[in-house]
C-alpha cells in the first residue's frame, strides 16, 4: 500500500525577505511515516523545509516545500492517484497576504519592505486550501486531515472535526492542540474515536486503520 505523508510547516510570503510561518517541527509526520514503513507500507514523505526534527533511519524526504503555493505545485505535478492513502499532519497557513500599507494608508512598493517604517498595516485574506482539493486528485484514497485547536470542549472539538470530514470529503480527522490536551484523537468515518497519547501510538493506530 502506497501512502503519502505531508508533514512539517509551511508559510505565506509577505515580501521577498519575510514570511509568516505556522509552527511545526514535523515530528508527528516523520514518526507516522517511519511507523507505517515498519508496518510494510510504501511511504512517501513530503516535508516543509523549515521542519527541525531528525529523520529516523530508513526515512527520506521525497519532496520539500516552503509555502502553500509550492505545495500546490507539487500536488498538480504529482500522480496522487497512485496513493492508497494521504495523511496531512502539515501545519498549513489559512491566510495569504492581500495588501500591505504604511501608517498613512499608502500601498508599499514591490520588493523588500523598508526596515525603518514606524509601522505597517497588513491585510490578510483566506489563502488556498490544500485538504479540500485532495479528493479530486485521489478519488479512491483514504484521506486523513488534522485539526489543531486552542478552544472548545471535547464535544465542540468533535463537531469541528466532523465538519472538516464532511466539507473536505476526507475519511478521518486527527484532533490535537491545547484544547484537546496531550496526545491525539483519531476520528474516522463509521469508526470509533480513538485516543492516542503519542505520535508513535497514533502511527500504529493509523497503520491498523489503513490495513482494514
Protein backbone atom coordinates (compact mmCIF):
# COMPACT_ATOMS: atom_id res chain seq x y z
CA UNK A 1 0.00 0.00 0.00
CA UNK A 2 1.39 3.40 -1.04
CA UNK A 3 0.94 6.21 1.49
CA UNK A 4 1.77 9.89 1.12
CA UNK A 5 2.53 11.83 4.32
CA UNK A 6 2.57 15.63 4.01
CA UNK A 7 4.40 16.94 7.06
CA UNK A 8 6.01 19.97 8.66
CA UNK A 9 5.37 23.72 8.49
CA UNK A 10 4.53 26.00 5.58
CA UNK A 11 4.47 29.77 5.28
CA UNK A 12 2.88 32.65 3.45
CA UNK A 13 5.25 35.17 1.81
CA UNK A 14 4.92 38.81 2.85
CA UNK A 15 7.81 40.34 0.92
CA UNK A 16 10.97 38.80 -0.58
CA UNK A 17 12.61 38.71 2.86
CA UNK A 18 9.73 37.97 5.23
CA UNK A 19 7.24 35.14 5.71
CA UNK A 20 4.62 34.17 8.30
CA UNK A 21 5.09 30.56 9.38
CA UNK A 22 2.80 28.06 11.03
CA UNK A 23 4.80 26.38 13.78
CA UNK A 24 5.66 22.71 13.37
CA UNK A 25 8.75 20.61 13.93
CA UNK A 26 7.48 17.86 11.62
CA UNK A 27 7.91 15.25 14.39
CA UNK A 28 4.39 13.81 14.14
CA UNK A 29 4.54 13.33 10.38
CA UNK A 30 8.02 11.83 10.39
CA UNK A 31 7.12 9.45 13.23
CA UNK A 32 3.99 8.30 11.42
CA UNK A 33 5.90 7.80 8.16
CA UNK A 34 8.52 5.66 9.94
CA UNK A 35 5.93 3.50 11.71
CA UNK A 36 3.94 2.95 8.54
CA UNK A 37 7.10 1.87 6.77
CA UNK A 38 7.90 -0.54 9.61
CA UNK A 39 4.41 -2.00 9.12
CA UNK A 40 5.01 -2.79 5.46
CA UNK A 41 3.63 0.36 3.82
CA UNK A 42 5.47 2.09 0.98
CA UNK A 43 5.78 5.58 2.45
CA UNK A 44 6.40 8.83 0.57
CA UNK A 45 7.24 11.86 2.75
CA UNK A 46 6.78 15.44 1.64
CA UNK A 47 8.26 17.78 4.23
CA UNK A 48 8.17 21.51 4.92
CA UNK A 49 11.68 22.92 4.53
CA UNK A 50 11.61 24.53 7.98
CA UNK A 51 10.93 21.25 9.81
CA UNK A 52 13.55 20.68 12.51
CA UNK A 53 13.06 17.06 13.60
CA UNK A 54 15.73 14.49 12.69
CA UNK A 55 14.82 11.77 10.21
CA UNK A 56 14.74 8.18 11.51
CA UNK A 57 16.92 5.62 9.80
CA UNK A 58 15.43 4.45 6.52
CA UNK A 59 13.21 7.50 6.04
CA UNK A 60 13.97 10.03 3.34
CA UNK A 61 12.23 13.16 2.12
CA UNK A 62 10.86 12.76 -1.40
CA UNK A 63 9.92 16.43 -1.90
CA UNK A 64 10.14 19.70 0.04
CA UNK A 65 8.02 22.84 0.10
CA UNK A 66 8.29 26.17 1.89
CA UNK A 67 5.00 27.87 1.01
CA UNK A 68 1.47 26.68 0.33
CA UNK A 69 1.75 27.65 -3.38
CA UNK A 70 4.86 25.44 -3.60
CA UNK A 71 2.88 22.57 -2.09
CA UNK A 72 0.05 23.25 -4.54
CA UNK A 73 2.51 22.93 -7.41
CA UNK A 74 3.72 19.59 -6.04
CA UNK A 75 0.15 18.33 -5.95
CA UNK A 76 -0.50 19.45 -9.51
CA UNK A 77 2.68 17.83 -10.85
CA UNK A 78 2.30 14.53 -9.00
CA UNK A 79 0.18 11.49 -9.73
CA UNK A 80 -1.71 11.37 -6.45
CA UNK A 81 -3.96 8.59 -7.74
CA UNK A 82 -1.05 6.19 -7.13
CA UNK A 83 -1.51 6.57 -3.36
CA UNK A 84 -3.91 4.42 -1.40
CA UNK A 85 -3.83 6.90 1.48
CA UNK A 86 -2.84 10.55 2.01
CA UNK A 87 -2.16 11.85 5.54
CA UNK A 88 -1.82 15.58 6.16
CA UNK A 89 -0.31 16.44 9.57
CA UNK A 90 1.35 19.50 7.98
CA UNK A 91 0.82 22.91 9.59
CA UNK A 92 -0.52 24.90 6.64
CA UNK A 93 -1.48 28.61 6.91
CA UNK A 94 -5.10 29.52 6.32
CA UNK A 95 -4.40 33.06 5.08
CA UNK A 96 -2.44 34.88 2.38
CA UNK A 97 -1.31 38.48 2.06
CA UNK A 98 -3.89 40.79 0.48
CA UNK A 99 -2.22 44.16 0.95
CA UNK A 100 0.48 45.98 2.91
CA UNK A 101 0.36 49.71 3.61
CA UNK A 102 2.24 52.23 5.71
CA UNK A 103 0.51 54.00 8.60
CA UNK A 104 -0.73 56.71 6.22
CA UNK A 105 -2.51 54.10 4.14
CA UNK A 106 -0.13 54.18 1.18
CA UNK A 107 0.45 50.84 -0.51
CA UNK A 108 4.03 49.69 -0.04
CA UNK A 109 6.08 49.36 -3.24
CA UNK A 110 7.06 45.94 -4.54
CA UNK A 111 10.24 44.46 -3.15
CA UNK A 112 11.61 44.26 0.39
CA UNK A 113 9.74 46.48 2.80
CA UNK A 114 11.88 49.23 4.39
CA UNK A 115 13.01 48.34 7.87
CA UNK A 116 12.76 51.96 9.05
CA UNK A 117 8.98 52.33 8.84
CA UNK A 118 7.27 53.22 12.15
CA UNK A 119 4.59 50.64 11.47
CA UNK A 120 2.70 48.61 8.88
CA UNK A 121 -0.90 47.79 8.13
CA UNK A 122 -1.13 44.23 6.81
CA UNK A 123 -4.38 42.77 5.49
CA UNK A 124 -4.70 39.01 5.12
CA UNK A 125 -7.25 37.14 3.06
CA UNK A 126 -8.24 33.46 3.04
CA UNK A 127 -5.50 31.57 1.26
CA UNK A 128 -5.53 28.44 -0.88
CA UNK A 129 -6.72 25.34 0.94
CA UNK A 130 -4.98 22.04 0.33
CA UNK A 131 -7.14 19.46 2.12
CA UNK A 132 -10.39 20.12 0.17
CA UNK A 133 -8.58 19.56 -3.16
CA UNK A 134 -7.10 16.15 -2.41
CA UNK A 135 -10.24 14.14 -3.16
CA UNK A 136 -10.22 15.43 -6.74
CA UNK A 137 -6.60 14.31 -7.18
CA UNK A 138 -7.06 10.94 -5.47
CA UNK A 139 -10.71 9.85 -5.65
CA UNK A 140 -10.13 6.38 -4.15
CA UNK A 141 -7.55 7.21 -1.47
CA UNK A 142 -8.16 7.21 2.26
CA UNK A 143 -7.51 10.83 3.24
CA UNK A 144 -6.89 11.94 6.83
CA UNK A 145 -6.72 15.60 7.83
CA UNK A 146 -5.64 17.24 11.08
CA UNK A 147 -7.33 19.82 13.33
CA UNK A 148 -5.22 21.74 15.86
CA UNK A 149 -7.47 23.72 18.18
CA UNK A 150 -6.96 26.06 21.14
CA UNK A 151 -10.53 26.43 22.43
CA UNK A 152 -13.61 24.30 22.98
CA UNK A 153 -14.67 21.23 24.95
CA UNK A 154 -14.43 17.72 23.54
CA UNK A 155 -17.92 17.74 22.05
CA UNK A 156 -17.26 21.04 20.29
CA UNK A 157 -13.93 19.73 19.00
CA UNK A 158 -15.57 16.59 17.63
CA UNK A 159 -18.09 18.72 15.77
CA UNK A 160 -15.24 20.74 14.25
CA UNK A 161 -13.56 17.52 13.13
CA UNK A 162 -16.81 16.13 11.72
CA UNK A 163 -17.34 19.35 9.77
CA UNK A 164 -13.84 19.08 8.29
CA UNK A 165 -14.50 15.48 7.26
CA UNK A 166 -17.76 16.46 5.58
CA UNK A 167 -16.63 19.65 3.82
CA UNK A 168 -13.22 18.30 2.72
CA UNK A 169 -14.56 14.85 1.73
CA UNK A 170 -11.98 13.07 3.87
CA UNK A 171 -12.12 9.71 5.63
CA UNK A 172 -11.00 10.94 9.01
CA UNK A 173 -9.54 13.69 11.16
CA UNK A 174 -6.89 13.80 13.87
CA UNK A 175 -7.67 16.23 16.68
CA UNK A 176 -4.87 17.79 18.73
CA UNK A 177 -3.74 21.08 20.23
CA UNK A 178 -4.17 22.84 23.59
CA UNK A 179 -7.96 22.44 23.60
CA UNK A 180 -7.69 18.67 23.30
CA UNK A 181 -4.69 18.36 25.62
CA UNK A 182 -1.90 15.81 25.44
CA UNK A 183 -1.90 13.39 22.56
CA UNK A 184 -4.31 12.98 19.67
CA UNK A 185 -7.83 11.80 18.92
CA UNK A 186 -8.22 9.79 15.71
CA UNK A 187 -11.76 10.09 14.31
CA UNK A 188 -12.75 8.11 11.22
CA UNK A 189 -15.96 7.86 9.21
CA UNK A 190 -18.01 5.00 10.57
CA UNK A 191 -15.47 4.23 13.29
CA UNK A 192 -14.95 4.96 16.97
CA UNK A 193 -12.89 7.90 18.22
CA UNK A 194 -9.52 6.55 19.35
CA UNK A 195 -7.31 8.46 21.83
CA UNK A 196 -3.60 8.17 21.03
CA UNK A 197 -1.26 9.51 23.75
CA UNK A 198 1.81 9.89 21.50
CA UNK A 199 2.83 10.26 17.84
CA UNK A 200 4.05 6.66 17.86
CA UNK A 201 0.71 5.32 19.12
CA UNK A 202 -1.08 7.47 16.53
CA UNK A 203 1.16 5.96 13.86
CA UNK A 204 0.27 2.41 14.93
CA UNK A 205 -3.45 3.32 15.06
CA UNK A 206 -3.27 4.71 11.52
CA UNK A 207 -1.45 1.59 10.34
CA UNK A 208 -4.25 -0.61 11.72
CA UNK A 209 -6.90 1.62 10.18
CA UNK A 210 -5.29 1.68 6.74
CA UNK A 211 -4.92 -2.10 6.67
CA UNK A 212 -8.66 -2.61 7.17
